[in-house]
Amino acid sequence: MSTEKQDLRVKINNETHILLDAYCEQSGTTKGQVITDLIWGSIPERLAHTRVFLTKYLNNNIYSTPDIPEVKSKKRGKRLLPSDFSPDKSIAEDAGIDFDGALEAFTDWAKAGGGRYLDWDACFRTACKTWLKERYPHLRRTSTSVSTHGLNFDVTTKHPDD
């Protein structure tokens, strides 16, 4: 690559010129440096894509360049909470909490945070076993019988006189 400088004149509109001046003043760079950085930042990648396109689809191998590998997203397969999310009731029951209250608190949390997960049932299961119990103690299911000095009373049955 040659380090010889060439004269290049570019016409830009007033708004772009003002923006470029402000950027140069703030960053302490020259217009030439900014434009060079922009060119080197975007054009080589675009040229590489063009070469791949020409080679693959038009059989016009103007340069011998390797194919650009496809970048795979780390969020592959993760999704927002589905609107029809309905986990098994046994998940909350096994954790010892009220299913309806747990589901309401969990869906509010998931929608408010905008989180993405692969397995929402597993996320709900973990929430039921951990933070839902801690943050919402009123969701904990209580036993239907109360023990007082060794005597058990069933609080769910009606009084015989009623």
N, C-alpha and C. Protein backbone atom coordinates (compact mmCIF):
# COMPACT_ATOMS: atom_id res chain seq x y z
N MET A 1 0.85 -1.17 0.00
CA MET A 1 0.00 0.00 0.00
C MET A 1 0.90 1.24 0.00
N SER A 2 0.57 2.15 -0.82
CA SER A 2 1.36 3.36 -0.96
C SER A 2 0.93 4.40 0.08
N THR A 3 1.91 5.11 0.62
CA THR A 3 1.60 6.17 1.58
C THR A 3 1.57 7.53 0.90
N GLU A 4 1.74 7.50 -0.42
CA GLU A 4 1.68 8.75 -1.18
C GLU A 4 0.28 9.32 -1.10
N LYS A 5 0.19 10.61 -0.83
CA LYS A 5 -1.12 11.25 -0.69
C LYS A 5 -1.58 11.79 -2.04
N GLN A 6 -2.86 11.69 -2.25
CA GLN A 6 -3.47 12.18 -3.48
C GLN A 6 -4.49 13.25 -3.11
N ASP A 7 -4.70 14.18 -3.98
CA ASP A 7 -5.66 15.24 -3.76
C ASP A 7 -7.03 14.74 -4.21
N LEU A 8 -8.02 14.86 -3.35
CA LEU A 8 -9.38 14.44 -3.66
C LEU A 8 -10.32 15.53 -3.17
N ARG A 9 -11.17 15.98 -4.04
CA ARG A 9 -12.14 17.02 -3.66
C ARG A 9 -13.52 16.37 -3.62
N VAL A 10 -14.21 16.67 -2.53
CA VAL A 10 -15.52 16.09 -2.32
C VAL A 10 -16.50 17.22 -2.03
N LYS A 11 -17.66 17.17 -2.69
CA LYS A 11 -18.70 18.17 -2.42
C LYS A 11 -19.72 17.54 -1.48
N ILE A 12 -19.99 18.25 -0.37
CA ILE A 12 -20.99 17.79 0.59
C ILE A 12 -21.93 18.94 0.90
N ASN A 13 -23.13 18.60 1.36
CA ASN A 13 -24.10 19.66 1.66
C ASN A 13 -23.72 20.38 2.96
N ASN A 14 -24.36 21.51 3.21
CA ASN A 14 -24.04 22.36 4.35
C ASN A 14 -24.18 21.65 5.69
N GLU A 15 -25.27 20.90 5.87
CA GLU A 15 -25.50 20.21 7.13
C GLU A 15 -24.39 19.21 7.42
N THR A 16 -23.98 18.47 6.40
CA THR A 16 -22.91 17.50 6.56
C THR A 16 -21.60 18.21 6.87
N HIS A 17 -21.36 19.34 6.22
CA HIS A 17 -20.13 20.11 6.45
C HIS A 17 -20.08 20.61 7.89
N ILE A 18 -21.20 21.13 8.40
CA ILE A 18 -21.26 21.62 9.78
C ILE A 18 -21.02 20.47 10.76
N LEU A 19 -21.65 19.34 10.50
CA LEU A 19 -21.48 18.17 11.34
C LEU A 19 -20.02 17.68 11.34
N LEU A 20 -19.41 17.65 10.18
CA LEU A 20 -18.01 17.23 10.06
C LEU A 20 -17.09 18.19 10.80
N ASP A 21 -17.32 19.49 10.65
CA ASP A 21 -16.52 20.49 11.37
C ASP A 21 -16.64 20.30 12.88
N ALA A 22 -17.86 20.11 13.36
CA ALA A 22 -18.09 19.94 14.79
C ALA A 22 -17.39 18.69 15.31
N TYR A 23 -17.48 17.61 14.54
CA TYR A 23 -16.83 16.36 14.95
C TYR A 23 -15.31 16.54 15.01
N CYS A 24 -14.75 17.17 13.99
CA CYS A 24 -13.30 17.39 13.94
C CYS A 24 -12.84 18.26 15.12
N GLU A 25 -13.61 19.29 15.43
CA GLU A 25 -13.26 20.17 16.54
C GLU A 25 -13.31 19.42 17.86
N GLN A 26 -14.35 18.60 18.04
CA GLN A 26 -14.53 17.88 19.29
C GLN A 26 -13.51 16.75 19.44
N SER A 27 -13.19 16.05 18.36
CA SER A 27 -12.30 14.90 18.45
C SER A 27 -10.84 15.25 18.24
N GLY A 28 -10.57 16.46 17.74
CA GLY A 28 -9.19 16.86 17.50
C GLY A 28 -8.56 16.21 16.29
N THR A 29 -9.39 15.84 15.32
CA THR A 29 -8.89 15.22 14.09
C THR A 29 -9.13 16.14 12.91
N THR A 30 -8.52 15.77 11.79
CA THR A 30 -8.74 16.54 10.57
C THR A 30 -9.85 15.89 9.76
N LYS A 31 -10.37 16.62 8.81
CA LYS A 31 -11.42 16.07 7.95
C LYS A 31 -10.89 14.88 7.17
N GLY A 32 -9.66 14.98 6.73
CA GLY A 32 -9.05 13.87 5.99
C GLY A 32 -8.97 12.60 6.82
N GLN A 33 -8.61 12.75 8.12
CA GLN A 33 -8.54 11.59 9.00
C GLN A 33 -9.92 10.96 9.21
N VAL A 34 -10.91 11.80 9.38
CA VAL A 34 -12.28 11.30 9.60
C VAL A 34 -12.75 10.54 8.37
N ILE A 35 -12.57 11.13 7.21
CA ILE A 35 -13.03 10.48 5.98
C ILE A 35 -12.25 9.20 5.73
N THR A 36 -10.94 9.21 5.98
CA THR A 36 -10.15 8.00 5.81
C THR A 36 -10.62 6.90 6.75
N ASP A 37 -10.90 7.25 8.01
CA ASP A 37 -11.40 6.26 8.97
C ASP A 37 -12.74 5.69 8.52
N LEU A 38 -13.60 6.54 8.01
CA LEU A 38 -14.90 6.07 7.53
C LEU A 38 -14.74 5.11 6.34
N ILE A 39 -13.85 5.47 5.43
CA ILE A 39 -13.63 4.62 4.26
C ILE A 39 -13.05 3.28 4.68
N TRP A 40 -12.01 3.30 5.50
CA TRP A 40 -11.38 2.06 5.92
C TRP A 40 -12.28 1.26 6.85
N GLY A 41 -13.24 1.90 7.48
CA GLY A 41 -14.14 1.19 8.38
C GLY A 41 -15.25 0.46 7.68
N SER A 42 -15.67 0.93 6.50
CA SER A 42 -16.84 0.30 5.88
C SER A 42 -16.58 -0.26 4.49
N ILE A 43 -15.74 0.37 3.71
CA ILE A 43 -15.58 -0.05 2.32
C ILE A 43 -14.94 -1.44 2.18
N PRO A 44 -13.86 -1.78 2.91
CA PRO A 44 -13.29 -3.12 2.73
C PRO A 44 -14.29 -4.25 2.96
N GLU A 45 -15.15 -4.10 3.97
CA GLU A 45 -16.16 -5.13 4.23
C GLU A 45 -17.15 -5.20 3.07
N ARG A 46 -17.57 -4.05 2.59
CA ARG A 46 -18.50 -4.03 1.45
C ARG A 46 -17.87 -4.63 0.21
N LEU A 47 -16.61 -4.34 -0.02
CA LEU A 47 -15.91 -4.93 -1.17
C LEU A 47 -15.80 -6.44 -1.04
N ALA A 48 -15.53 -6.90 0.17
CA ALA A 48 -15.43 -8.34 0.40
C ALA A 48 -16.76 -9.01 0.08
N HIS A 49 -17.87 -8.42 0.52
CA HIS A 49 -19.19 -8.98 0.21
C HIS A 49 -19.44 -8.96 -1.29
N THR A 50 -19.02 -7.89 -1.97
CA THR A 50 -19.21 -7.79 -3.42
C THR A 50 -18.42 -8.88 -4.12
N ARG A 51 -17.19 -9.10 -3.70
CA ARG A 51 -16.36 -10.15 -4.32
C ARG A 51 -16.99 -11.50 -4.14
N VAL A 52 -17.50 -11.77 -2.93
CA VAL A 52 -18.15 -13.06 -2.68
C VAL A 52 -19.37 -13.20 -3.58
N PHE A 53 -20.16 -12.15 -3.70
CA PHE A 53 -21.34 -12.19 -4.55
C PHE A 53 -20.95 -12.45 -6.00
N LEU A 54 -19.97 -11.71 -6.49
CA LEU A 54 -19.56 -11.88 -7.88
C LEU A 54 -19.02 -13.28 -8.12
N THR A 55 -18.26 -13.80 -7.18
CA THR A 55 -17.68 -15.13 -7.33
C THR A 55 -18.75 -16.20 -7.27
N LYS A 56 -19.63 -16.11 -6.30
CA LYS A 56 -20.63 -17.16 -6.11
C LYS A 56 -21.72 -17.16 -7.17
N TYR A 57 -22.24 -15.99 -7.45
CA TYR A 57 -23.46 -15.93 -8.25
C TYR A 57 -23.24 -15.56 -9.71
N LEU A 58 -22.18 -14.87 -10.01
CA LEU A 58 -21.95 -14.46 -11.39
C LEU A 58 -20.75 -15.16 -12.02
N ASN A 59 -20.11 -16.05 -11.25
CA ASN A 59 -18.92 -16.77 -11.72
C ASN A 59 -17.88 -15.81 -12.27
N ASN A 60 -17.76 -14.67 -11.67
CA ASN A 60 -16.81 -13.65 -12.12
C ASN A 60 -15.80 -13.47 -10.99
N ASN A 61 -14.76 -14.28 -10.99
CA ASN A 61 -13.78 -14.27 -9.92
C ASN A 61 -12.77 -13.16 -10.16
N ILE A 62 -13.11 -11.94 -9.74
CA ILE A 62 -12.21 -10.82 -9.98
C ILE A 62 -11.06 -10.81 -8.98
N TYR A 63 -11.27 -11.38 -7.81
CA TYR A 63 -10.22 -11.52 -6.80
C TYR A 63 -10.39 -12.89 -6.18
N SER A 64 -9.34 -13.46 -5.74
CA SER A 64 -9.48 -14.72 -5.02
C SER A 64 -9.53 -14.41 -3.54
N THR A 65 -10.72 -14.42 -2.98
CA THR A 65 -10.90 -14.15 -1.56
C THR A 65 -11.67 -15.30 -0.95
N PRO A 66 -11.40 -15.60 0.28
CA PRO A 66 -12.17 -16.66 0.94
C PRO A 66 -13.59 -16.19 1.20
N ASP A 67 -14.49 -17.14 1.31
CA ASP A 67 -15.87 -16.79 1.65
C ASP A 67 -15.91 -16.20 3.05
N ILE A 68 -16.77 -15.24 3.23
CA ILE A 68 -16.95 -14.63 4.54
C ILE A 68 -17.88 -15.53 5.34
N PRO A 69 -17.42 -16.01 6.50
CA PRO A 69 -18.29 -16.91 7.27
C PRO A 69 -19.49 -16.16 7.81
N GLU A 70 -20.60 -16.88 7.90
CA GLU A 70 -21.81 -16.29 8.43
C GLU A 70 -21.70 -16.16 9.93
N VAL A 71 -22.03 -15.01 10.46
CA VAL A 71 -21.96 -14.78 11.89
C VAL A 71 -23.25 -15.28 12.51
N LYS A 72 -23.11 -16.21 13.46
CA LYS A 72 -24.28 -16.76 14.11
C LYS A 72 -24.56 -15.98 15.38
N SER A 73 -25.82 -15.64 15.57
CA SER A 73 -26.23 -14.87 16.73
C SER A 73 -26.13 -15.73 17.98
N LYS A 74 -25.68 -15.11 19.08
CA LYS A 74 -25.63 -15.81 20.35
C LYS A 74 -27.03 -16.02 20.90
N LYS A 75 -27.98 -15.23 20.44
CA LYS A 75 -29.35 -15.32 20.93
C LYS A 75 -30.18 -16.28 20.09
N ARG A 76 -29.52 -17.12 19.33
CA ARG A 76 -30.21 -18.03 18.42
C ARG A 76 -31.22 -18.88 19.18
N GLY A 77 -32.44 -18.81 18.79
CA GLY A 77 -33.49 -19.61 19.37
C GLY A 77 -34.15 -19.01 20.60
N LYS A 78 -33.53 -18.03 21.22
CA LYS A 78 -34.14 -17.41 22.39
C LYS A 78 -35.31 -16.54 21.93
N ARG A 79 -36.35 -16.51 22.76
CA ARG A 79 -37.54 -15.74 22.36
C ARG A 79 -38.18 -15.10 23.58
N LEU A 80 -39.00 -14.12 23.29
CA LEU A 80 -39.77 -13.46 24.34
C LEU A 80 -40.82 -14.43 24.87
N LEU A 81 -41.37 -14.10 26.03
CA LEU A 81 -42.41 -14.95 26.61
C LEU A 81 -43.60 -15.04 25.65
N PRO A 82 -44.00 -16.25 25.25
CA PRO A 82 -45.14 -16.38 24.33
C PRO A 82 -46.43 -15.89 25.00
N SER A 83 -47.31 -15.34 24.20
CA SER A 83 -48.57 -14.82 24.75
C SER A 83 -49.45 -15.96 25.29
N ASP A 84 -49.25 -17.17 24.79
CA ASP A 84 -50.04 -18.31 25.25
C ASP A 84 -49.29 -19.18 26.26
N PHE A 85 -48.35 -18.57 26.99
CA PHE A 85 -47.54 -19.31 27.95
C PHE A 85 -48.42 -19.91 29.03
N SER A 86 -48.36 -21.23 29.18
CA SER A 86 -49.14 -21.90 30.22
C SER A 86 -48.35 -23.12 30.71
N PRO A 87 -47.52 -22.89 31.72
CA PRO A 87 -46.74 -24.00 32.25
C PRO A 87 -47.61 -24.98 33.03
N ASP A 88 -47.09 -26.13 33.29
CA ASP A 88 -47.81 -27.16 34.03
C ASP A 88 -48.03 -26.69 35.47
N LYS A 89 -49.24 -26.89 36.00
CA LYS A 89 -49.55 -26.46 37.36
C LYS A 89 -48.70 -27.17 38.39
N SER A 90 -48.24 -28.37 38.05
CA SER A 90 -47.46 -29.14 39.01
C SER A 90 -46.12 -28.47 39.33
N ILE A 91 -45.62 -27.60 38.45
CA ILE A 91 -44.36 -26.89 38.71
C ILE A 91 -44.50 -26.04 39.96
N ALA A 92 -45.56 -25.26 40.03
CA ALA A 92 -45.78 -24.40 41.20
C ALA A 92 -46.16 -25.24 42.42
N GLU A 93 -46.98 -26.26 42.22
CA GLU A 93 -47.40 -27.11 43.33
C GLU A 93 -46.20 -27.83 43.94
N ASP A 94 -45.29 -28.33 43.10
CA ASP A 94 -44.09 -29.01 43.61
C ASP A 94 -43.20 -28.05 44.39
N ALA A 95 -43.22 -26.78 44.02
CA ALA A 95 -42.43 -25.78 44.73
C ALA A 95 -43.14 -25.27 45.98
N GLY A 96 -44.41 -25.65 46.15
CA GLY A 96 -45.16 -25.26 47.34
C GLY A 96 -45.73 -23.86 47.28
N ILE A 97 -46.05 -23.37 46.08
CA ILE A 97 -46.64 -22.04 45.97
C ILE A 97 -47.90 -22.09 45.11
N ASP A 98 -48.70 -21.04 45.24
CA ASP A 98 -49.95 -20.92 44.52
C ASP A 98 -49.68 -20.71 43.02
N PHE A 99 -50.26 -21.54 42.17
CA PHE A 99 -49.98 -21.50 40.74
C PHE A 99 -50.44 -20.19 40.11
N ASP A 100 -51.69 -19.78 40.34
CA ASP A 100 -52.23 -18.59 39.68
C ASP A 100 -51.44 -17.33 40.06
N GLY A 101 -51.14 -17.17 41.35
CA GLY A 101 -50.36 -16.01 41.79
C GLY A 101 -48.95 -16.04 41.23
N ALA A 102 -48.35 -17.23 41.21
CA ALA A 102 -46.98 -17.37 40.69
C ALA A 102 -46.95 -17.06 39.19
N LEU A 103 -47.93 -17.55 38.47
CA LEU A 103 -47.97 -17.30 37.02
C LEU A 103 -48.15 -15.81 36.73
N GLU A 104 -49.01 -15.14 37.50
CA GLU A 104 -49.23 -13.71 37.30
C GLU A 104 -47.95 -12.92 37.58
N ALA A 105 -47.29 -13.21 38.70
CA ALA A 105 -46.05 -12.51 39.06
C ALA A 105 -44.96 -12.79 38.03
N PHE A 106 -44.86 -14.03 37.59
CA PHE A 106 -43.82 -14.42 36.63
C PHE A 106 -44.04 -13.75 35.27
N THR A 107 -45.26 -13.76 34.77
CA THR A 107 -45.52 -13.14 33.46
C THR A 107 -45.30 -11.63 33.52
N ASP A 108 -45.68 -11.00 34.63
CA ASP A 108 -45.41 -9.56 34.78
C ASP A 108 -43.91 -9.29 34.74
N TRP A 109 -43.15 -10.11 35.46
CA TRP A 109 -41.68 -9.97 35.47
C TRP A 109 -41.10 -10.16 34.07
N ALA A 110 -41.56 -11.21 33.38
CA ALA A 110 -41.01 -11.52 32.06
C ALA A 110 -41.34 -10.44 31.03
N LYS A 111 -42.57 -9.92 31.07
CA LYS A 111 -42.96 -8.89 30.11
C LYS A 111 -42.28 -7.56 30.42
N ALA A 112 -42.12 -7.25 31.68
CA ALA A 112 -41.50 -5.97 32.05
C ALA A 112 -40.02 -5.95 31.69
N GLY A 113 -39.35 -7.08 31.85
CA GLY A 113 -37.92 -7.14 31.58
C GLY A 113 -37.57 -7.38 30.13
N GLY A 114 -38.49 -7.92 29.37
CA GLY A 114 -38.22 -8.21 27.96
C GLY A 114 -37.16 -9.27 27.76
N GLY A 115 -37.01 -10.15 28.74
CA GLY A 115 -36.00 -11.21 28.64
C GLY A 115 -36.33 -12.21 27.56
N ARG A 116 -35.28 -12.85 27.07
CA ARG A 116 -35.42 -13.89 26.05
C ARG A 116 -34.81 -15.17 26.58
N TYR A 117 -35.55 -16.27 26.49
CA TYR A 117 -35.08 -17.55 26.98
C TYR A 117 -35.40 -18.64 25.97
N LEU A 118 -34.62 -19.71 26.04
CA LEU A 118 -34.88 -20.86 25.19
C LEU A 118 -36.03 -21.68 25.74
N ASP A 119 -36.05 -21.87 27.05
CA ASP A 119 -37.04 -22.74 27.69
C ASP A 119 -37.74 -21.96 28.81
N TRP A 120 -38.92 -21.44 28.51
CA TRP A 120 -39.65 -20.64 29.48
C TRP A 120 -40.19 -21.50 30.62
N ASP A 121 -40.51 -22.78 30.36
CA ASP A 121 -40.97 -23.65 31.44
C ASP A 121 -39.87 -23.84 32.48
N ALA A 122 -38.64 -24.05 32.02
CA ALA A 122 -37.51 -24.19 32.95
C ALA A 122 -37.29 -22.90 33.73
N CYS A 123 -37.46 -21.77 33.08
CA CYS A 123 -37.31 -20.48 33.75
C CYS A 123 -38.39 -20.32 34.82
N PHE A 124 -39.61 -20.72 34.51
CA PHE A 124 -40.71 -20.65 35.48
C PHE A 124 -40.44 -21.59 36.66
N ARG A 125 -39.95 -22.81 36.36
CA ARG A 125 -39.63 -23.78 37.40
C ARG A 125 -38.59 -23.21 38.37
N THR A 126 -37.53 -22.61 37.81
CA THR A 126 -36.49 -22.02 38.65
C THR A 126 -37.04 -20.86 39.48
N ALA A 127 -37.88 -20.04 38.88
CA ALA A 127 -38.48 -18.91 39.60
C ALA A 127 -39.35 -19.40 40.75
N CYS A 128 -40.13 -20.44 40.50
CA CYS A 128 -41.00 -20.98 41.55
C CYS A 128 -40.19 -21.51 42.72
N LYS A 129 -39.06 -22.14 42.43
CA LYS A 129 -38.23 -22.72 43.48
C LYS A 129 -37.42 -21.68 44.23
N THR A 130 -37.20 -20.51 43.64
CA THR A 130 -36.30 -19.54 44.26
C THR A 130 -36.97 -18.21 44.53
N TRP A 131 -36.85 -17.27 43.60
CA TRP A 131 -37.20 -15.88 43.89
C TRP A 131 -38.68 -15.61 44.08
N LEU A 132 -39.56 -16.39 43.48
CA LEU A 132 -40.99 -16.14 43.70
C LEU A 132 -41.37 -16.40 45.16
N LYS A 133 -40.77 -17.44 45.75
CA LYS A 133 -41.03 -17.73 47.17
C LYS A 133 -40.51 -16.61 48.06
N GLU A 134 -39.33 -16.08 47.69
CA GLU A 134 -38.70 -15.06 48.53
C GLU A 134 -39.39 -13.70 48.40
N ARG A 135 -39.68 -13.31 47.18
CA ARG A 135 -40.26 -11.97 46.95
C ARG A 135 -41.75 -11.90 47.25
N TYR A 136 -42.42 -13.03 47.11
CA TYR A 136 -43.88 -13.06 47.30
C TYR A 136 -44.24 -14.15 48.31
N PRO A 137 -43.98 -13.92 49.59
CA PRO A 137 -44.24 -14.96 50.59
C PRO A 137 -45.73 -15.33 50.68
N HIS A 138 -46.59 -14.43 50.27
CA HIS A 138 -48.03 -14.74 50.32
C HIS A 138 -48.42 -15.83 49.32
N LEU A 139 -47.54 -16.16 48.40
CA LEU A 139 -47.83 -17.21 47.42
C LEU A 139 -47.61 -18.61 47.99
N ARG A 140 -46.88 -18.68 49.09
CA ARG A 140 -46.59 -19.99 49.69
C ARG A 140 -47.89 -20.64 50.14
N ARG A 141 -48.05 -21.89 49.75
CA ARG A 141 -49.22 -22.64 50.18
C ARG A 141 -49.03 -23.06 51.62
N THR A 142 -50.09 -22.93 52.40
CA THR A 142 -50.02 -23.36 53.79
C THR A 142 -50.75 -24.68 53.91
N SER A 143 -50.38 -25.40 54.91
CA SER A 143 -51.01 -26.70 55.16
C SER A 143 -52.47 -26.47 55.54
N THR A 144 -53.30 -27.45 55.23
CA THR A 144 -54.72 -27.31 55.56
C THR A 144 -54.99 -27.68 57.01
N SER A 145 -54.00 -28.27 57.68
CA SER A 145 -54.23 -28.60 59.09
C SER A 145 -53.29 -27.79 59.96
N VAL A 146 -53.78 -27.45 61.16
CA VAL A 146 -53.00 -26.65 62.09
C VAL A 146 -52.71 -27.51 63.30
N SER A 147 -51.46 -27.53 63.73
CA SER A 147 -51.09 -28.34 64.89
C SER A 147 -50.98 -27.44 66.11
N THR A 148 -51.69 -27.79 67.16
CA THR A 148 -51.62 -27.03 68.40
C THR A 148 -51.42 -28.03 69.54
N HIS A 149 -50.25 -27.99 70.14
CA HIS A 149 -49.90 -28.85 71.27
C HIS A 149 -50.22 -30.31 70.99
N GLY A 150 -49.87 -30.77 69.81
CA GLY A 150 -50.06 -32.18 69.48
C GLY A 150 -51.44 -32.51 68.96
N LEU A 151 -52.38 -31.58 69.03
CA LEU A 151 -53.72 -31.83 68.52
C LEU A 151 -53.84 -31.23 67.12
N ASN A 152 -54.30 -31.97 66.15
CA ASN A 152 -54.45 -31.49 64.79
C ASN A 152 -55.90 -31.11 64.53
N PHE A 153 -56.07 -29.94 63.96
CA PHE A 153 -57.40 -29.46 63.62
C PHE A 153 -57.43 -29.19 62.12
N ASP A 154 -58.45 -29.69 61.45
CA ASP A 154 -58.57 -29.44 60.02
C ASP A 154 -59.34 -28.14 59.86
N VAL A 155 -58.69 -27.14 59.30
CA VAL A 155 -59.31 -25.81 59.20
C VAL A 155 -60.17 -25.67 57.96
N THR A 156 -60.20 -26.67 57.12
CA THR A 156 -60.99 -26.55 55.89
C THR A 156 -62.41 -27.09 56.05
N THR A 157 -62.64 -27.86 57.08
CA THR A 157 -63.99 -28.43 57.24
C THR A 157 -64.88 -27.45 57.99
N LYS A 158 -66.17 -27.56 57.74
CA LYS A 158 -67.14 -26.69 58.40
C LYS A 158 -67.45 -27.21 59.80
N HIS A 159 -67.88 -26.30 60.61
CA HIS A 159 -68.30 -26.66 61.96
C HIS A 159 -69.55 -27.54 61.86
N PRO A 160 -69.66 -28.56 62.70
CA PRO A 160 -70.83 -29.46 62.60
C PRO A 160 -72.16 -28.75 62.83
N ASP A 161 -72.18 -27.65 63.55
CA ASP A 161 -73.43 -26.95 63.80
C ASP A 161 -73.87 -26.09 62.61
N ASP A 162 -72.98 -25.85 61.62
CA ASP A 162 -73.33 -25.00 60.47
C ASP A 162 -74.16 -25.71 59.46
